[in-house]
C-alpha cells in the first residue's frame, strides 16, 4: 500500500471489522449488478484504498481499474482516457458541487453502452450513529449534495434499472443512459 498523508482531506474510509461488514455488503450488491456473461472492465471512480478491486482479485471475468483524486491511490492519471463497461462510485458524489457532477455526467454520456453503479449514503441519523459508535467523527462532514440531489442529477440523464437497500444506510443503483 502506498503511503497516504496522515491528514485525510477526502474522508477516505479505512475499513475496520464492523465498517468492513457494511462496505462488504455494499460491494457484494455492486458485484451482483455487474453482468459477467462476458469479460467486463470496471472503473472504480473514487476507489479509496481499492477494496472493491481486492475483493474481486481472483475474478477472471471482471477487471477493475482504480481511480482516485488522491495520487497515491490511483492507478491511472485520467479516467476519461480509459475504456470501461461499468462506472462505479461508492459514496463519492456527495462531495461534488452540482455543476461538477453535471459535467462528469455529460462526459460519461458521450460513451456508448456503459452502465453506472452508485452507492449513495442515506446521510441519516443511523449513519451518524454508526459514525459516532465507530469513532469516525469526520465520516459525515463536508457534503455538498444530499442523497436526493445526487440521484436527481443522475436520473436527469439516466434511468434506474435496479435499486438495492444496504442495511438501511445506503442505496445501490444500477443506471444506464437514456
Foldseek 3Di string as FASTA:
>chain_A
DFDDDPDDPQLQDDDDDVNCVQVVLVLVVVVVPDDLPAAWEEEEEQCRQVPSCVVCVPPPRYHYAYDHPRVRRHPDDDPLVDDGQEYEYEQHCQLPALVVLLVVVVSVVPDPRHKYKYKHFQLDPVVVVVCVVVVPNCNNDNGNDHSVSVVVSVVVFWDWPDWDDRPVTIIMTIIDGD
